[in-house]
């Protein structure tokens, strides 16, 4: 079964018992409110740093009365297990990149329509926008509550080992990491063969030859060490990705008001921090990848336009087919951000 479909599994899906036992065994101050937060990013990823700062800030602001226990790199649960785990209350919180909701919440893929919602200032305004509230409302129907959006990238990198992927025709016949059924429309439009691959597994798939090419954000290419298995990279404003933080609604509603307030304040700080950290990290990542030996092409606006002309419409059309009721309204809200 493909990983993207696991998000739709029943909430009774089993979780790794040893991991949950380790989590529940963590020592906390007597009477402290504990928020266990599962995510997939390696500790070196910039969003992992933002989440670590959030946890430290909450503990300091509450004088230890609220403790956020962050479990990076799938230490607590795998990506596909985060949603059922939080919905069931096995742990309190997790994250999801907007596109990993896949077919479960197709509206989440709207910001990843190629070359559609990629401006930094749009993403800076998004957490306070009507578009965010619209998506939060849709998330609430899935038995979890959205509490924050952390801007993660507007700078994708298409990596390859044999030849650079610079022009649309360079993708023909290339086995490339797919994102979900919607975004994969852009890749098939240029003749590539996308294969859904969770982020933690991409480097191994590239190394083994299961994939010829990778697709990730430029900062993740550093933190996940893509330079060890790929020679070329094309940096593109292909799409925008945010990391949604969500919680178990029953746990959230049961918090003492002062505990909820300190968490909300910490999340608001994290939303602001994520934008600046993402921009700085992406700028530095290009230099780091070159220093590690990758040959990079940074897309010009003209080159991005050529990709957009081929890639955007198939994805836009597929998005509206998958979300005929909410899609048009959401696109209008995103354009207004």
C-alpha atoms as a PDB file:
ATOM      1  CA  UNK A   1       0.000   0.000   0.000  1.00  0.00           C
ATOM      2  CA  UNK A   2       1.348   3.406  -0.895  1.00  0.00           C
ATOM      3  CA  UNK A   3       2.282   5.598   2.061  1.00  0.00           C
ATOM      4  CA  UNK A   4       0.093   8.476   0.898  1.00  0.00           C
ATOM      5  CA  UNK A   5      -3.027   6.341   1.418  1.00  0.00           C
ATOM      6  CA  UNK A   6      -2.124   5.348   4.966  1.00  0.00           C
ATOM      7  CA  UNK A   7      -3.388   8.676   6.253  1.00  0.00           C
ATOM      8  CA  UNK A   8      -6.871   7.412   5.554  1.00  0.00           C
ATOM      9  CA  UNK A   9      -6.503   4.266   7.691  1.00  0.00           C
ATOM     10  CA  UNK A  10      -8.988   3.737  10.524  1.00  0.00           C
ATOM     11  CA  UNK A  11      -8.061   5.348  13.792  1.00  0.00           C
ATOM     12  CA  UNK A  12      -7.564   1.913  15.315  1.00  0.00           C
ATOM     13  CA  UNK A  13      -4.378   1.472  13.287  1.00  0.00           C
ATOM     14  CA  UNK A  14      -1.619   0.185  15.532  1.00  0.00           C
ATOM     15  CA  UNK A  15       1.199   2.442  16.638  1.00  0.00           C
ATOM     16  CA  UNK A  16       4.704   1.372  17.680  1.00  0.00           C
ATOM     17  CA  UNK A  17       4.159   0.319  21.287  1.00  0.00           C
ATOM     18  CA  UNK A  18       7.824   0.565  22.359  1.00  0.00           C
ATOM     19  CA  UNK A  19       7.995   4.144  21.105  1.00  0.00           C
ATOM     20  CA  UNK A  20       4.871   5.112  23.007  1.00  0.00           C
ATOM     21  CA  UNK A  21       6.146   3.452  26.144  1.00  0.00           C
ATOM     22  CA  UNK A  22       9.375   5.411  25.881  1.00  0.00           C
ATOM     23  CA  UNK A  23       7.372   8.580  25.406  1.00  0.00           C
ATOM     24  CA  UNK A  24       5.162   7.989  28.434  1.00  0.00           C
ATOM     25  CA  UNK A  25       8.193   7.151  30.535  1.00  0.00           C
ATOM     26  CA  UNK A  26       9.819  10.526  30.048  1.00  0.00           C
ATOM     27  CA  UNK A  27      10.296  12.334  33.332  1.00  0.00           C
ATOM     28  CA  UNK A  28       8.358  15.545  33.821  1.00  0.00           C
ATOM     29  CA  UNK A  29       7.902  17.997  36.607  1.00  0.00           C
ATOM     30  CA  UNK A  30       5.136  17.011  39.017  1.00  0.00           C
ATOM     31  CA  UNK A  31       1.811  18.263  37.714  1.00  0.00           C
ATOM     32  CA  UNK A  32       3.275  19.631  34.466  1.00  0.00           C
ATOM     33  CA  UNK A  33       1.128  19.734  31.340  1.00  0.00           C
ATOM     34  CA  UNK A  34       2.842  17.575  28.724  1.00  0.00           C
ATOM     35  CA  UNK A  35       2.507  17.942  24.966  1.00  0.00           C
ATOM     36  CA  UNK A  36       4.242  15.152  23.034  1.00  0.00           C
ATOM     37  CA  UNK A  37       4.905  16.329  19.474  1.00  0.00           C
ATOM     38  CA  UNK A  38       5.939  13.883  16.751  1.00  0.00           C
ATOM     39  CA  UNK A  39       7.623  14.959  13.526  1.00  0.00           C
ATOM     40  CA  UNK A  40       9.644  13.484  10.695  1.00  0.00           C
ATOM     41  CA  UNK A  41      12.364  16.109  10.258  1.00  0.00           C
ATOM     42  CA  UNK A  42      15.969  15.265  11.159  1.00  0.00           C
ATOM     43  CA  UNK A  43      17.313  17.432  13.984  1.00  0.00           C
ATOM     44  CA  UNK A  44      19.435  19.408  11.515  1.00  0.00           C
ATOM     45  CA  UNK A  45      16.392  20.510   9.478  1.00  0.00           C
ATOM     46  CA  UNK A  46      15.446  24.153   9.985  1.00  0.00           C
ATOM     47  CA  UNK A  47      11.847  23.351  10.945  1.00  0.00           C
ATOM     48  CA  UNK A  48      13.131  20.884  13.530  1.00  0.00           C
ATOM     49  CA  UNK A  49      15.045  23.826  14.978  1.00  0.00           C
ATOM     50  CA  UNK A  50      11.923  25.999  15.026  1.00  0.00           C
ATOM     51  CA  UNK A  51      10.006  23.272  16.864  1.00  0.00           C
ATOM     52  CA  UNK A  52      12.836  22.827  19.360  1.00  0.00           C
ATOM     53  CA  UNK A  53      12.827  26.582  19.997  1.00  0.00           C
ATOM     54  CA  UNK A  54       9.059  26.466  20.480  1.00  0.00           C
ATOM     55  CA  UNK A  55       9.420  23.749  23.106  1.00  0.00           C
ATOM     56  CA  UNK A  56      12.157  25.609  24.973  1.00  0.00           C
ATOM     57  CA  UNK A  57      10.186  28.855  24.865  1.00  0.00           C
ATOM     58  CA  UNK A  58       7.031  27.268  26.252  1.00  0.00           C
ATOM     59  CA  UNK A  59       8.910  25.656  29.113  1.00  0.00           C
ATOM     60  CA  UNK A  60      10.634  28.937  29.992  1.00  0.00           C
ATOM     61  CA  UNK A  61       7.478  31.053  29.704  1.00  0.00           C
ATOM     62  CA  UNK A  62       5.512  28.667  31.920  1.00  0.00           C
ATOM     63  CA  UNK A  63       8.330  28.136  34.449  1.00  0.00           C
ATOM     64  CA  UNK A  64       8.177  24.439  33.659  1.00  0.00           C
ATOM     65  CA  UNK A  65       4.415  24.125  34.127  1.00  0.00           C
ATOM     66  CA  UNK A  66       4.016  23.222  30.430  1.00  0.00           C
ATOM     67  CA  UNK A  67       6.469  20.874  28.776  1.00  0.00           C
ATOM     68  CA  UNK A  68       6.550  20.212  25.044  1.00  0.00           C
ATOM     69  CA  UNK A  69       8.385  16.962  24.362  1.00  0.00           C
ATOM     70  CA  UNK A  70       9.520  16.991  20.735  1.00  0.00           C
ATOM     71  CA  UNK A  71      10.322  13.695  18.994  1.00  0.00           C
ATOM     72  CA  UNK A  72      12.136  14.349  15.688  1.00  0.00           C
ATOM     73  CA  UNK A  73      13.064  11.983  12.872  1.00  0.00           C
ATOM     74  CA  UNK A  74      10.058   9.640  13.364  1.00  0.00           C
ATOM     75  CA  UNK A  75      11.283   8.641  16.838  1.00  0.00           C
ATOM     76  CA  UNK A  76       7.743   8.504  18.214  1.00  0.00           C
ATOM     77  CA  UNK A  77       5.720   7.540  15.150  1.00  0.00           C
ATOM     78  CA  UNK A  78       6.174   7.230  11.417  1.00  0.00           C
ATOM     79  CA  UNK A  79       4.762   9.925   9.156  1.00  0.00           C
ATOM     80  CA  UNK A  80       1.666   7.894   8.258  1.00  0.00           C
ATOM     81  CA  UNK A  81       1.052   7.040  11.917  1.00  0.00           C
ATOM     82  CA  UNK A  82       1.003  10.636  13.158  1.00  0.00           C
ATOM     83  CA  UNK A  83      -2.573  11.445  12.157  1.00  0.00           C
ATOM     84  CA  UNK A  84      -4.223   8.327  13.627  1.00  0.00           C
ATOM     85  CA  UNK A  85      -2.021   8.618  16.711  1.00  0.00           C
ATOM     86  CA  UNK A  86      -3.090  12.178  17.444  1.00  0.00           C
ATOM     87  CA  UNK A  87      -6.728  11.562  16.542  1.00  0.00           C
ATOM     88  CA  UNK A  88      -6.887   8.592  18.934  1.00  0.00           C
ATOM     89  CA  UNK A  89      -5.062  10.482  21.673  1.00  0.00           C
ATOM     90  CA  UNK A  90      -2.042   8.164  21.754  1.00  0.00           C
ATOM     91  CA  UNK A  91       0.024  11.366  21.819  1.00  0.00           C
ATOM     92  CA  UNK A  92      -0.989  14.976  21.812  1.00  0.00           C
ATOM     93  CA  UNK A  93       0.450  16.621  18.691  1.00  0.00           C
ATOM     94  CA  UNK A  94       2.193  16.071  15.374  1.00  0.00           C
ATOM     95  CA  UNK A  95       2.984  17.871  12.155  1.00  0.00           C
ATOM     96  CA  UNK A  96       2.223  17.342   8.500  1.00  0.00           C
ATOM     97  CA  UNK A  97       3.517  19.107   5.445  1.00  0.00           C
ATOM     98  CA  UNK A  98       0.417  20.319   3.680  1.00  0.00           C
ATOM     99  CA  UNK A  99       0.867  17.976   0.712  1.00  0.00           C
ATOM    100  CA  UNK A 100       1.192  14.807   2.828  1.00  0.00           C
ATOM    101  CA  UNK A 101      -2.525  14.931   3.555  1.00  0.00           C
ATOM    102  CA  UNK A 102      -2.763  13.648  -0.014  1.00  0.00           C
ATOM    103  CA  UNK A 103      -6.172  12.323  -0.976  1.00  0.00           C
ATOM    104  CA  UNK A 104      -7.480  12.631   2.592  1.00  0.00           C
ATOM    105  CA  UNK A 105      -7.712  16.443   2.386  1.00  0.00           C
ATOM    106  CA  UNK A 106      -7.067  17.358  -1.262  1.00  0.00           C
ATOM    107  CA  UNK A 107      -7.525  21.064  -0.495  1.00  0.00           C
ATOM    108  CA  UNK A 108      -4.216  20.995   1.387  1.00  0.00           C
ATOM    109  CA  UNK A 109      -2.352  20.656  -1.878  1.00  0.00           C
ATOM    110  CA  UNK A 110      -3.486  24.036  -3.208  1.00  0.00           C
ATOM    111  CA  UNK A 111      -0.294  25.892  -2.130  1.00  0.00           C
ATOM    112  CA  UNK A 112       1.754  23.290  -3.983  1.00  0.00           C
ATOM    113  CA  UNK A 113       0.215  24.005  -7.375  1.00  0.00           C
ATOM    114  CA  UNK A 114       3.355  24.820  -9.378  1.00  0.00           C
ATOM    115  CA  UNK A 115       4.356  28.486  -9.436  1.00  0.00           C
ATOM    116  CA  UNK A 116       1.061  29.565  -7.844  1.00  0.00           C
ATOM    117  CA  UNK A 117       1.610  30.575  -4.193  1.00  0.00           C
ATOM    118  CA  UNK A 118       5.346  31.035  -3.855  1.00  0.00           C
ATOM    119  CA  UNK A 119       5.991  34.608  -2.733  1.00  0.00           C
ATOM    120  CA  UNK A 120       7.623  34.937   0.688  1.00  0.00           C
ATOM    121  CA  UNK A 121       5.318  37.754   1.772  1.00  0.00           C
ATOM    122  CA  UNK A 122       2.244  35.720   0.836  1.00  0.00           C
ATOM    123  CA  UNK A 123       3.484  32.969   3.105  1.00  0.00           C
ATOM    124  CA  UNK A 124       4.310  35.445   5.866  1.00  0.00           C
ATOM    125  CA  UNK A 125       0.703  36.673   5.802  1.00  0.00           C
ATOM    126  CA  UNK A 126      -0.847  33.223   5.470  1.00  0.00           C
ATOM    127  CA  UNK A 127      -1.092  32.307   9.220  1.00  0.00           C
ATOM    128  CA  UNK A 128      -3.421  35.274   9.802  1.00  0.00           C
ATOM    129  CA  UNK A 129      -5.370  34.855   6.573  1.00  0.00           C
ATOM    130  CA  UNK A 130      -8.854  33.701   5.738  1.00  0.00           C
ATOM    131  CA  UNK A 131      -7.268  30.972   3.607  1.00  0.00           C
ATOM    132  CA  UNK A 132      -5.604  29.542   6.733  1.00  0.00           C
ATOM    133  CA  UNK A 133      -8.903  29.624   8.646  1.00  0.00           C
ATOM    134  CA  UNK A 134     -10.600  27.897   5.725  1.00  0.00           C
ATOM    135  CA  UNK A 135      -8.060  25.051   5.773  1.00  0.00           C
ATOM    136  CA  UNK A 136      -8.200  24.818   9.564  1.00  0.00           C
ATOM    137  CA  UNK A 137     -11.941  24.302   9.297  1.00  0.00           C
ATOM    138  CA  UNK A 138     -11.477  21.466   6.829  1.00  0.00           C
ATOM    139  CA  UNK A 139      -8.837  19.889   9.088  1.00  0.00           C
ATOM    140  CA  UNK A 140     -11.248  19.977  12.037  1.00  0.00           C
ATOM    141  CA  UNK A 141     -13.545  17.566  10.178  1.00  0.00           C
ATOM    142  CA  UNK A 142     -10.776  14.940  10.360  1.00  0.00           C
ATOM    143  CA  UNK A 143     -10.765  14.607  14.172  1.00  0.00           C
ATOM    144  CA  UNK A 144      -7.676  16.766  14.755  1.00  0.00           C
ATOM    145  CA  UNK A 145      -7.276  20.503  15.359  1.00  0.00           C
ATOM    146  CA  UNK A 146      -4.873  22.702  13.414  1.00  0.00           C
ATOM    147  CA  UNK A 147      -2.990  25.098  15.709  1.00  0.00           C
ATOM    148  CA  UNK A 148      -0.092  26.483  13.637  1.00  0.00           C
ATOM    149  CA  UNK A 149       1.386  26.763  10.146  1.00  0.00           C
ATOM    150  CA  UNK A 150       5.161  26.963   9.773  1.00  0.00           C
ATOM    151  CA  UNK A 151       6.390  28.185   6.383  1.00  0.00           C
ATOM    152  CA  UNK A 152       8.852  25.526   5.232  1.00  0.00           C
ATOM    153  CA  UNK A 153       9.930  26.294   1.687  1.00  0.00           C
ATOM    154  CA  UNK A 154       9.225  28.147  -1.507  1.00  0.00           C
ATOM    155  CA  UNK A 155      12.484  26.894  -2.992  1.00  0.00           C
ATOM    156  CA  UNK A 156      12.411  23.356  -4.322  1.00  0.00           C
ATOM    157  CA  UNK A 157      15.337  21.440  -5.751  1.00  0.00           C
ATOM    158  CA  UNK A 158      15.149  18.786  -8.450  1.00  0.00           C
ATOM    159  CA  UNK A 159      18.219  16.591  -7.994  1.00  0.00           C
ATOM    160  CA  UNK A 160      19.659  14.084 -10.432  1.00  0.00           C
ATOM    161  CA  UNK A 161      22.691  11.908 -10.896  1.00  0.00           C
ATOM    162  CA  UNK A 162      23.157  11.501 -14.646  1.00  0.00           C
ATOM    163  CA  UNK A 163      22.317  14.897 -16.115  1.00  0.00           C
ATOM    164  CA  UNK A 164      20.863  18.171 -14.859  1.00  0.00           C
ATOM    165  CA  UNK A 165      17.114  18.675 -15.122  1.00  0.00           C
ATOM    166  CA  UNK A 166      17.055  22.155 -16.625  1.00  0.00           C
ATOM    167  CA  UNK A 167      14.512  22.074 -19.462  1.00  0.00           C
ATOM    168  CA  UNK A 168      11.106  20.366 -19.457  1.00  0.00           C
ATOM    169  CA  UNK A 169      12.315  17.798 -21.992  1.00  0.00           C
ATOM    170  CA  UNK A 170      15.089  16.694 -19.607  1.00  0.00           C
ATOM    171  CA  UNK A 171      12.473  14.903 -17.468  1.00  0.00           C
ATOM    172  CA  UNK A 172      11.462  12.382 -20.107  1.00  0.00           C
ATOM    173  CA  UNK A 173      11.728   8.853 -18.754  1.00  0.00           C
ATOM    174  CA  UNK A 174      13.205   9.971 -15.427  1.00  0.00           C
ATOM    175  CA  UNK A 175      12.069   8.067 -12.318  1.00  0.00           C
ATOM    176  CA  UNK A 176      11.541  10.852  -9.804  1.00  0.00           C
ATOM    177  CA  UNK A 177      10.246  11.166  -6.270  1.00  0.00           C
ATOM    178  CA  UNK A 178       6.535  11.843  -6.402  1.00  0.00           C
ATOM    179  CA  UNK A 179       4.714  13.978  -3.852  1.00  0.00           C
ATOM    180  CA  UNK A 180       1.082  12.923  -4.175  1.00  0.00           C
ATOM    181  CA  UNK A 181      -1.356  12.119  -6.950  1.00  0.00           C
ATOM    182  CA  UNK A 182      -2.074  15.787  -7.536  1.00  0.00           C
ATOM    183  CA  UNK A 183       1.437  17.204  -7.718  1.00  0.00           C
ATOM    184  CA  UNK A 184       2.561  14.192  -9.709  1.00  0.00           C
ATOM    185  CA  UNK A 185       0.464  15.566 -12.572  1.00  0.00           C
ATOM    186  CA  UNK A 186       3.149  18.209 -13.131  1.00  0.00           C
ATOM    187  CA  UNK A 187       5.848  15.560 -13.352  1.00  0.00           C
ATOM    188  CA  UNK A 188       3.967  13.327 -15.750  1.00  0.00           C
ATOM    189  CA  UNK A 189       3.206  16.383 -17.886  1.00  0.00           C
ATOM    190  CA  UNK A 190       6.931  16.640 -18.696  1.00  0.00           C
ATOM    191  CA  UNK A 191       7.329  12.902 -19.260  1.00  0.00           C
ATOM    192  CA  UNK A 192       8.759  11.885 -15.864  1.00  0.00           C
ATOM    193  CA  UNK A 193       7.724   8.767 -13.973  1.00  0.00           C
ATOM    194  CA  UNK A 194       6.901   9.845 -10.396  1.00  0.00           C
ATOM    195  CA  UNK A 195       6.945   7.322  -7.558  1.00  0.00           C
ATOM    196  CA  UNK A 196       5.476   8.286  -4.179  1.00  0.00           C
ATOM    197  CA  UNK A 197       8.342   8.197  -1.679  1.00  0.00           C
ATOM    198  CA  UNK A 198       8.249   9.521   1.910  1.00  0.00           C
ATOM    199  CA  UNK A 199      10.916  12.115   2.599  1.00  0.00           C
ATOM    200  CA  UNK A 200      12.997   9.946   4.981  1.00  0.00           C
ATOM    201  CA  UNK A 201      13.273   7.241   2.298  1.00  0.00           C
ATOM    202  CA  UNK A 202      14.255   9.355  -0.707  1.00  0.00           C
ATOM    203  CA  UNK A 203      18.042   9.314  -0.272  1.00  0.00           C
ATOM    204  CA  UNK A 204      18.050   5.521   0.082  1.00  0.00           C
ATOM    205  CA  UNK A 205      15.905   5.177  -3.040  1.00  0.00           C
ATOM    206  CA  UNK A 206      18.284   7.432  -4.977  1.00  0.00           C
ATOM    207  CA  UNK A 207      21.303   5.515  -3.738  1.00  0.00           C
ATOM    208  CA  UNK A 208      19.825   2.138  -4.685  1.00  0.00           C
ATOM    209  CA  UNK A 209      18.647   3.290  -8.120  1.00  0.00           C
ATOM    210  CA  UNK A 210      14.939   2.919  -7.372  1.00  0.00           C
ATOM    211  CA  UNK A 211      14.764   6.621  -8.211  1.00  0.00           C
ATOM    212  CA  UNK A 212      16.821   8.568 -10.752  1.00  0.00           C
ATOM    213  CA  UNK A 213      15.915  11.983  -9.388  1.00  0.00           C
ATOM    214  CA  UNK A 214      14.751  13.608  -6.194  1.00  0.00           C
ATOM    215  CA  UNK A 215      12.394  16.441  -5.343  1.00  0.00           C
ATOM    216  CA  UNK A 216      12.628  18.209  -1.998  1.00  0.00           C
ATOM    217  CA  UNK A 217      13.138  21.654  -0.572  1.00  0.00           C
ATOM    218  CA  UNK A 218      16.633  23.029  -0.939  1.00  0.00           C
ATOM    219  CA  UNK A 219      17.238  23.120   2.825  1.00  0.00           C
ATOM    220  CA  UNK A 220      16.228  19.483   3.214  1.00  0.00           C
ATOM    221  CA  UNK A 221      18.715  18.569   0.481  1.00  0.00           C
ATOM    222  CA  UNK A 222      21.388  19.722   2.925  1.00  0.00           C
ATOM    223  CA  UNK A 223      19.970  18.241   6.120  1.00  0.00           C
ATOM    224  CA  UNK A 224      19.201  14.903   4.437  1.00  0.00           C
ATOM    225  CA  UNK A 225      22.597  14.878   2.648  1.00  0.00           C
ATOM    226  CA  UNK A 226      21.365  14.601  -0.931  1.00  0.00           C
ATOM    227  CA  UNK A 227      24.808  15.718  -2.071  1.00  0.00           C
ATOM    228  CA  UNK A 228      26.166  12.289  -1.158  1.00  0.00           C
ATOM    229  CA  UNK A 229      24.050  10.543  -3.813  1.00  0.00           C
ATOM    230  CA  UNK A 230      23.248  13.218  -6.433  1.00  0.00           C
ATOM    231  CA  UNK A 231      25.499  15.306  -8.654  1.00  0.00           C
ATOM    232  CA  UNK A 232      23.124  17.910 -10.104  1.00  0.00           C
ATOM    233  CA  UNK A 233      20.394  20.134  -8.777  1.00  0.00           C
ATOM    234  CA  UNK A 234      17.977  22.672 -10.228  1.00  0.00           C
ATOM    235  CA  UNK A 235      16.656  25.163  -7.686  1.00  0.00           C
ATOM    236  CA  UNK A 236      13.150  26.346  -8.570  1.00  0.00           C
ATOM    237  CA  UNK A 237      10.295  28.347  -7.018  1.00  0.00           C
ATOM    238  CA  UNK A 238       8.213  25.308  -7.892  1.00  0.00           C
ATOM    239  CA  UNK A 239       5.773  25.372  -5.015  1.00  0.00           C
ATOM    240  CA  UNK A 240       5.170  26.513  -1.491  1.00  0.00           C
ATOM    241  CA  UNK A 241       5.143  24.088   1.430  1.00  0.00           C
ATOM    242  CA  UNK A 242       4.105  24.709   5.013  1.00  0.00           C
ATOM    243  CA  UNK A 243       4.266  22.437   8.030  1.00  0.00           C
ATOM    244  CA  UNK A 244       0.936  22.251   9.824  1.00  0.00           C
ATOM    245  CA  UNK A 245       0.987  21.584  13.572  1.00  0.00           C
ATOM    246  CA  UNK A 246      -2.135  19.800  14.798  1.00  0.00           C
ATOM    247  CA  UNK A 247      -3.338  18.464  18.133  1.00  0.00           C
ATOM    248  CA  UNK A 248      -5.884  16.129  19.655  1.00  0.00           C
ATOM    249  CA  UNK A 249      -9.046  18.258  20.145  1.00  0.00           C
ATOM    250  CA  UNK A 250     -10.112  16.589  23.396  1.00  0.00           C
ATOM    251  CA  UNK A 251      -6.703  17.178  24.937  1.00  0.00           C
ATOM    252  CA  UNK A 252      -6.630  20.777  23.647  1.00  0.00           C
ATOM    253  CA  UNK A 253     -10.097  21.595  24.958  1.00  0.00           C
ATOM    254  CA  UNK A 254      -9.209  20.076  28.325  1.00  0.00           C
ATOM    255  CA  UNK A 255      -6.144  22.264  28.879  1.00  0.00           C
ATOM    256  CA  UNK A 256      -6.130  24.822  31.646  1.00  0.00           C
ATOM    257  CA  UNK A 257      -6.641  28.257  30.028  1.00  0.00           C
ATOM    258  CA  UNK A 258      -3.209  29.444  31.164  1.00  0.00           C
ATOM    259  CA  UNK A 259      -1.530  26.357  29.674  1.00  0.00           C
ATOM    260  CA  UNK A 260      -3.320  26.792  26.351  1.00  0.00           C
ATOM    261  CA  UNK A 261      -2.423  30.481  26.287  1.00  0.00           C
ATOM    262  CA  UNK A 262       1.301  29.846  26.719  1.00  0.00           C
ATOM    263  CA  UNK A 263       1.257  27.191  23.975  1.00  0.00           C
ATOM    264  CA  UNK A 264      -0.654  29.470  21.613  1.00  0.00           C
ATOM    265  CA  UNK A 265       1.810  32.307  22.248  1.00  0.00           C
ATOM    266  CA  UNK A 266       4.697  29.960  21.557  1.00  0.00           C
ATOM    267  CA  UNK A 267       3.111  28.751  18.335  1.00  0.00           C
ATOM    268  CA  UNK A 268       2.557  32.335  17.157  1.00  0.00           C
ATOM    269  CA  UNK A 269       6.241  33.038  17.739  1.00  0.00           C
ATOM    270  CA  UNK A 270       7.147  29.864  15.860  1.00  0.00           C
ATOM    271  CA  UNK A 271       5.015  30.925  12.862  1.00  0.00           C
ATOM    272  CA  UNK A 272       6.877  34.236  12.643  1.00  0.00           C
ATOM    273  CA  UNK A 273      10.268  32.637  13.240  1.00  0.00           C
ATOM    274  CA  UNK A 274       9.708  29.985  10.585  1.00  0.00           C
ATOM    275  CA  UNK A 275       9.458  32.547   7.775  1.00  0.00           C
ATOM    276  CA  UNK A 276      12.765  34.244   8.540  1.00  0.00           C
ATOM    277  CA  UNK A 277      14.556  30.973   9.302  1.00  0.00           C
ATOM    278  CA  UNK A 278      13.269  29.406   6.092  1.00  0.00           C
ATOM    279  CA  UNK A 279      14.494  32.306   3.958  1.00  0.00           C
ATOM    280  CA  UNK A 280      17.939  32.367   5.608  1.00  0.00           C
ATOM    281  CA  UNK A 281      18.330  28.614   5.479  1.00  0.00           C
ATOM    282  CA  UNK A 282      17.367  28.374   1.823  1.00  0.00           C
ATOM    283  CA  UNK A 283      19.859  31.080   0.853  1.00  0.00           C
ATOM    284  CA  UNK A 284      22.622  29.344   2.797  1.00  0.00           C
ATOM    285  CA  UNK A 285      21.686  25.897   1.464  1.00  0.00           C
ATOM    286  CA  UNK A 286      22.540  26.794  -2.133  1.00  0.00           C
ATOM    287  CA  UNK A 287      26.069  27.677  -1.074  1.00  0.00           C
ATOM    288  CA  UNK A 288      26.368  24.595   1.126  1.00  0.00           C
ATOM    289  CA  UNK A 289      25.299  22.239  -1.651  1.00  0.00           C
ATOM    290  CA  UNK A 290      27.797  23.794  -4.028  1.00  0.00           C
ATOM    291  CA  UNK A 291      30.513  23.523  -1.391  1.00  0.00           C
ATOM    292  CA  UNK A 292      29.670  19.827  -1.079  1.00  0.00           C
ATOM    293  CA  UNK A 293      30.251  19.357  -4.804  1.00  0.00           C
ATOM    294  CA  UNK A 294      26.788  19.580  -6.339  1.00  0.00           C
ATOM    295  CA  UNK A 295      26.461  21.435  -9.626  1.00  0.00           C
ATOM    296  CA  UNK A 296      23.454  23.716  -9.229  1.00  0.00           C
ATOM    297  CA  UNK A 297      21.315  25.664 -11.658  1.00  0.00           C
ATOM    298  CA  UNK A 298      19.238  28.400 -10.040  1.00  0.00           C
ATOM    299  CA  UNK A 299      16.220  28.941 -12.220  1.00  0.00           C
ATOM    300  CA  UNK A 300      15.752  32.343 -13.850  1.00  0.00           C
ATOM    301  CA  UNK A 301      12.237  33.815 -14.075  1.00  0.00           C
ATOM    302  CA  UNK A 302      12.261  32.995 -17.792  1.00  0.00           C
ATOM    303  CA  UNK A 303      13.150  29.352 -17.143  1.00  0.00           C
ATOM    304  CA  UNK A 304      10.541  29.126 -14.384  1.00  0.00           C
ATOM    305  CA  UNK A 305       8.001  30.481 -16.847  1.00  0.00           C
ATOM    306  CA  UNK A 306       8.767  27.695 -19.306  1.00  0.00           C
ATOM    307  CA  UNK A 307       8.197  25.101 -16.587  1.00  0.00           C
ATOM    308  CA  UNK A 308       5.016  26.859 -15.448  1.00  0.00           C
ATOM    309  CA  UNK A 309       3.582  26.824 -18.971  1.00  0.00           C
ATOM    310  CA  UNK A 310       3.816  23.021 -19.064  1.00  0.00           C
ATOM    311  CA  UNK A 311       3.305  22.048 -15.419  1.00  0.00           C
ATOM    312  CA  UNK A 312       0.755  24.361 -13.822  1.00  0.00           C
ATOM    313  CA  UNK A 313      -2.422  23.733 -15.797  1.00  0.00           C
ATOM    314  CA  UNK A 314      -2.538  19.925 -15.411  1.00  0.00           C
ATOM    315  CA  UNK A 315      -2.183  20.317 -11.650  1.00  0.00           C
ATOM    316  CA  UNK A 316      -4.711  23.131 -11.431  1.00  0.00           C
ATOM    317  CA  UNK A 317      -7.225  21.093 -13.428  1.00  0.00           C
ATOM    318  CA  UNK A 318      -6.640  18.004 -11.286  1.00  0.00           C
ATOM    319  CA  UNK A 319      -6.990  20.047  -8.103  1.00  0.00           C
ATOM    320  CA  UNK A 320     -10.374  21.401  -9.170  1.00  0.00           C
ATOM    321  CA  UNK A 321     -11.537  17.887 -10.107  1.00  0.00           C
ATOM    322  CA  UNK A 322     -10.502  16.551  -6.701  1.00  0.00           C
ATOM    323  CA  UNK A 323     -12.025  19.456  -4.798  1.00  0.00           C
ATOM    324  CA  UNK A 324     -14.974  20.714  -6.864  1.00  0.00           C
ATOM    325  CA  UNK A 325     -16.801  22.165  -3.854  1.00  0.00           C
ATOM    326  CA  UNK A 326     -14.005  23.891  -1.921  1.00  0.00           C
ATOM    327  CA  UNK A 327     -11.296  24.259  -4.569  1.00  0.00           C
ATOM    328  CA  UNK A 328     -12.450  27.417  -6.383  1.00  0.00           C
ATOM    329  CA  UNK A 329     -13.122  29.239  -3.114  1.00  0.00           C
ATOM    330  CA  UNK A 330      -9.740  28.257  -1.678  1.00  0.00           C
ATOM    331  CA  UNK A 331      -7.856  29.384  -4.779  1.00  0.00           C
ATOM    332  CA  UNK A 332      -9.567  32.764  -4.552  1.00  0.00           C
ATOM    333  CA  UNK A 333      -8.627  33.037  -0.866  1.00  0.00           C
ATOM    334  CA  UNK A 334      -4.993  32.211  -1.617  1.00  0.00           C
ATOM    335  CA  UNK A 335      -4.865  34.773  -4.408  1.00  0.00           C
ATOM    336  CA  UNK A 336      -6.134  37.347  -1.897  1.00  0.00           C
ATOM    337  CA  UNK A 337      -3.437  36.639   0.706  1.00  0.00           C
END
